[in-house]
Amino acid sequence: MLPGFESRRWNDTNADTNADSTSTSVAFSGCSVEGRTFRAATLIVWKDVFGPDESKGTRTNYCNTTSWGDLAAGSYYFEVDGFTDCCYLKVDALTTRY
């Protein structure tokens, strides 16, 4: 991944009641960057809406699980805003929960 990478979109269909109480999270494991030790990546979750998308906040992922809490129903994606080391981020596994 490079800064600016966008994940697939997912639909959180927990309706207006937020009945599922599931926290939206992104988990990385097996992180590496070109020729260096991975330290951290900055991620933003966006709600995909008509017009400018709504930021749901920026979090730092240290090759672990990063959470945004229980978000309202809608279509979402995350963006890799940047990372502390160099140029290209590789992860062995990526899991999105919502």
C-alpha atoms as a PDB file:
ATOM      1  CA  MET A   1       0.000   0.000   0.000  1.00  0.00           C
ATOM      2  CA  LEU A   2       1.074   3.554  -0.648  1.00  0.00           C
ATOM      3  CA  PRO A   3      -0.249   6.670   1.099  1.00  0.00           C
ATOM      4  CA  GLY A   4      -3.646   7.393  -0.436  1.00  0.00           C
ATOM      5  CA  PHE A   5      -4.553   3.685  -0.719  1.00  0.00           C
ATOM      6  CA  GLU A   6      -8.306   3.165  -0.264  1.00  0.00           C
ATOM      7  CA  SER A   7      -9.819  -0.109   0.908  1.00  0.00           C
ATOM      8  CA  ARG A   8     -12.870  -1.719  -0.586  1.00  0.00           C
ATOM      9  CA  ARG A   9     -16.204  -0.195   0.465  1.00  0.00           C
ATOM     10  CA  TRP A  10     -18.341  -2.041   2.986  1.00  0.00           C
ATOM     11  CA  ASN A  11     -21.940  -1.504   4.039  1.00  0.00           C
ATOM     12  CA  ASP A  12     -22.680  -1.387   7.733  1.00  0.00           C
ATOM     13  CA  THR A  13     -26.342  -2.346   7.667  1.00  0.00           C
ATOM     14  CA  ASN A  14     -27.090  -2.214  11.355  1.00  0.00           C
ATOM     15  CA  ALA A  15     -30.051   0.076  10.548  1.00  0.00           C
ATOM     16  CA  ASP A  16     -30.743   3.314  12.335  1.00  0.00           C
ATOM     17  CA  THR A  17     -30.896   1.583  15.720  1.00  0.00           C
ATOM     18  CA  ASN A  18     -27.220   0.479  15.735  1.00  0.00           C
ATOM     19  CA  ALA A  19     -28.618  -2.822  16.995  1.00  0.00           C
ATOM     20  CA  ASP A  20     -25.450  -4.838  16.377  1.00  0.00           C
ATOM     21  CA  SER A  21     -23.207  -2.709  18.658  1.00  0.00           C
ATOM     22  CA  THR A  22     -20.187  -3.847  16.630  1.00  0.00           C
ATOM     23  CA  SER A  23     -17.182  -1.564  16.637  1.00  0.00           C
ATOM     24  CA  THR A  24     -15.738  -0.688  13.236  1.00  0.00           C
ATOM     25  CA  SER A  25     -12.111  -1.801  13.233  1.00  0.00           C
ATOM     26  CA  VAL A  26      -9.172  -2.410  10.904  1.00  0.00           C
ATOM     27  CA  ALA A  27      -6.568  -5.017  11.882  1.00  0.00           C
ATOM     28  CA  PHE A  28      -3.123  -5.353  10.312  1.00  0.00           C
ATOM     29  CA  SER A  29      -0.663  -8.165  10.959  1.00  0.00           C
ATOM     30  CA  GLY A  30       2.740  -8.955   9.500  1.00  0.00           C
ATOM     31  CA  CYS A  31       3.575  -5.338   8.616  1.00  0.00           C
ATOM     32  CA  SER A  32       6.760  -4.302   6.803  1.00  0.00           C
ATOM     33  CA  VAL A  33       8.094  -1.368   4.808  1.00  0.00           C
ATOM     34  CA  GLU A  34      10.855  -1.264   2.229  1.00  0.00           C
ATOM     35  CA  GLY A  35      14.182  -1.996   3.906  1.00  0.00           C
ATOM     36  CA  ARG A  36      13.126  -0.739   7.361  1.00  0.00           C
ATOM     37  CA  THR A  37      11.254  -1.781  10.482  1.00  0.00           C
ATOM     38  CA  PHE A  38       7.566  -0.835  10.406  1.00  0.00           C
ATOM     39  CA  ARG A  39       6.514   1.519  13.201  1.00  0.00           C
ATOM     40  CA  ALA A  40       3.036   2.920  12.448  1.00  0.00           C
ATOM     41  CA  ALA A  41       0.466   3.806   9.789  1.00  0.00           C
ATOM     42  CA  THR A  42      -2.128   6.576   9.932  1.00  0.00           C
ATOM     43  CA  LEU A  43      -5.611   5.438   8.858  1.00  0.00           C
ATOM     44  CA  ILE A  44      -8.793   7.416   8.218  1.00  0.00           C
ATOM     45  CA  VAL A  45     -12.277   5.872   8.041  1.00  0.00           C
ATOM     46  CA  TRP A  46     -14.574   7.682   5.629  1.00  0.00           C
ATOM     47  CA  LYS A  47     -18.362   7.466   5.253  1.00  0.00           C
ATOM     48  CA  ASP A  48     -19.113   7.338   1.522  1.00  0.00           C
ATOM     49  CA  VAL A  49     -21.822   9.952   0.949  1.00  0.00           C
ATOM     50  CA  PHE A  50     -23.049  12.122  -1.919  1.00  0.00           C
ATOM     51  CA  GLY A  51     -20.695  15.100  -2.039  1.00  0.00           C
ATOM     52  CA  PRO A  52     -17.485  15.176   0.010  1.00  0.00           C
ATOM     53  CA  ASP A  53     -17.146  11.998   2.073  1.00  0.00           C
ATOM     54  CA  GLU A  54     -17.387  12.365   5.862  1.00  0.00           C
ATOM     55  CA  SER A  55     -14.282  11.617   7.909  1.00  0.00           C
ATOM     56  CA  LYS A  56     -15.003   9.455  10.931  1.00  0.00           C
ATOM     57  CA  GLY A  57     -11.588  10.089  12.395  1.00  0.00           C
ATOM     58  CA  THR A  58      -7.899   9.374  12.094  1.00  0.00           C
ATOM     59  CA  ARG A  59      -6.230   6.584  14.059  1.00  0.00           C
ATOM     60  CA  THR A  60      -2.688   5.239  14.292  1.00  0.00           C
ATOM     61  CA  ASN A  61      -2.212   1.543  13.610  1.00  0.00           C
ATOM     62  CA  TYR A  62       0.926  -0.108  15.028  1.00  0.00           C
ATOM     63  CA  CYS A  63       0.370  -3.389  13.141  1.00  0.00           C
ATOM     64  CA  ASN A  64      -2.527  -4.214  15.428  1.00  0.00           C
ATOM     65  CA  THR A  65      -6.282  -3.538  15.634  1.00  0.00           C
ATOM     66  CA  THR A  66      -7.507   0.045  15.407  1.00  0.00           C
ATOM     67  CA  SER A  67     -11.119   0.922  16.279  1.00  0.00           C
ATOM     68  CA  TRP A  68     -13.550   3.737  15.437  1.00  0.00           C
ATOM     69  CA  GLY A  69     -16.401   2.573  17.677  1.00  0.00           C
ATOM     70  CA  ASP A  70     -19.941   1.655  16.646  1.00  0.00           C
ATOM     71  CA  LEU A  71     -20.642   3.743  13.527  1.00  0.00           C
ATOM     72  CA  ALA A  72     -24.123   4.427  12.154  1.00  0.00           C
ATOM     73  CA  ALA A  73     -25.444   2.517   9.145  1.00  0.00           C
ATOM     74  CA  GLY A  74     -23.827   3.471   5.854  1.00  0.00           C
ATOM     75  CA  SER A  75     -21.116   2.740   3.316  1.00  0.00           C
ATOM     76  CA  TYR A  76     -17.535   3.097   4.593  1.00  0.00           C
ATOM     77  CA  TYR A  77     -13.922   2.632   3.574  1.00  0.00           C
ATOM     78  CA  PHE A  78     -10.526   3.343   5.086  1.00  0.00           C
ATOM     79  CA  GLU A  79      -7.618   5.249   3.616  1.00  0.00           C
ATOM     80  CA  VAL A  80      -3.929   4.878   4.422  1.00  0.00           C
ATOM     81  CA  ASP A  81      -3.060   8.510   5.091  1.00  0.00           C
ATOM     82  CA  GLY A  82       0.640   7.820   5.629  1.00  0.00           C
ATOM     83  CA  PHE A  83       3.170   5.901   7.671  1.00  0.00           C
ATOM     84  CA  THR A  84       6.271   6.696   9.632  1.00  0.00           C
ATOM     85  CA  ASP A  85       8.728   4.778   7.460  1.00  0.00           C
ATOM     86  CA  CYS A  86       9.421   5.351   3.791  1.00  0.00           C
ATOM     87  CA  CYS A  87       7.477   4.370   0.806  1.00  0.00           C
ATOM     88  CA  TYR A  88       5.493   1.149   0.559  1.00  0.00           C
ATOM     89  CA  LEU A  89       3.576  -0.723   3.274  1.00  0.00           C
ATOM     90  CA  LYS A  90       3.031  -4.480   3.041  1.00  0.00           C
ATOM     91  CA  VAL A  91       0.740  -6.384   5.413  1.00  0.00           C
ATOM     92  CA  ASP A  92       0.410 -10.164   5.525  1.00  0.00           C
ATOM     93  CA  ALA A  93      -3.199 -10.010   6.741  1.00  0.00           C
ATOM     94  CA  LEU A  94      -5.835  -7.302   6.857  1.00  0.00           C
ATOM     95  CA  THR A  95      -9.213  -7.717   8.577  1.00  0.00           C
ATOM     96  CA  THR A  96     -12.067  -5.210   8.617  1.00  0.00           C
ATOM     97  CA  ARG A  97     -14.894  -5.651  11.136  1.00  0.00           C
ATOM     98  CA  TYR A  98     -18.098  -3.624  11.214  1.00  0.00           C
END
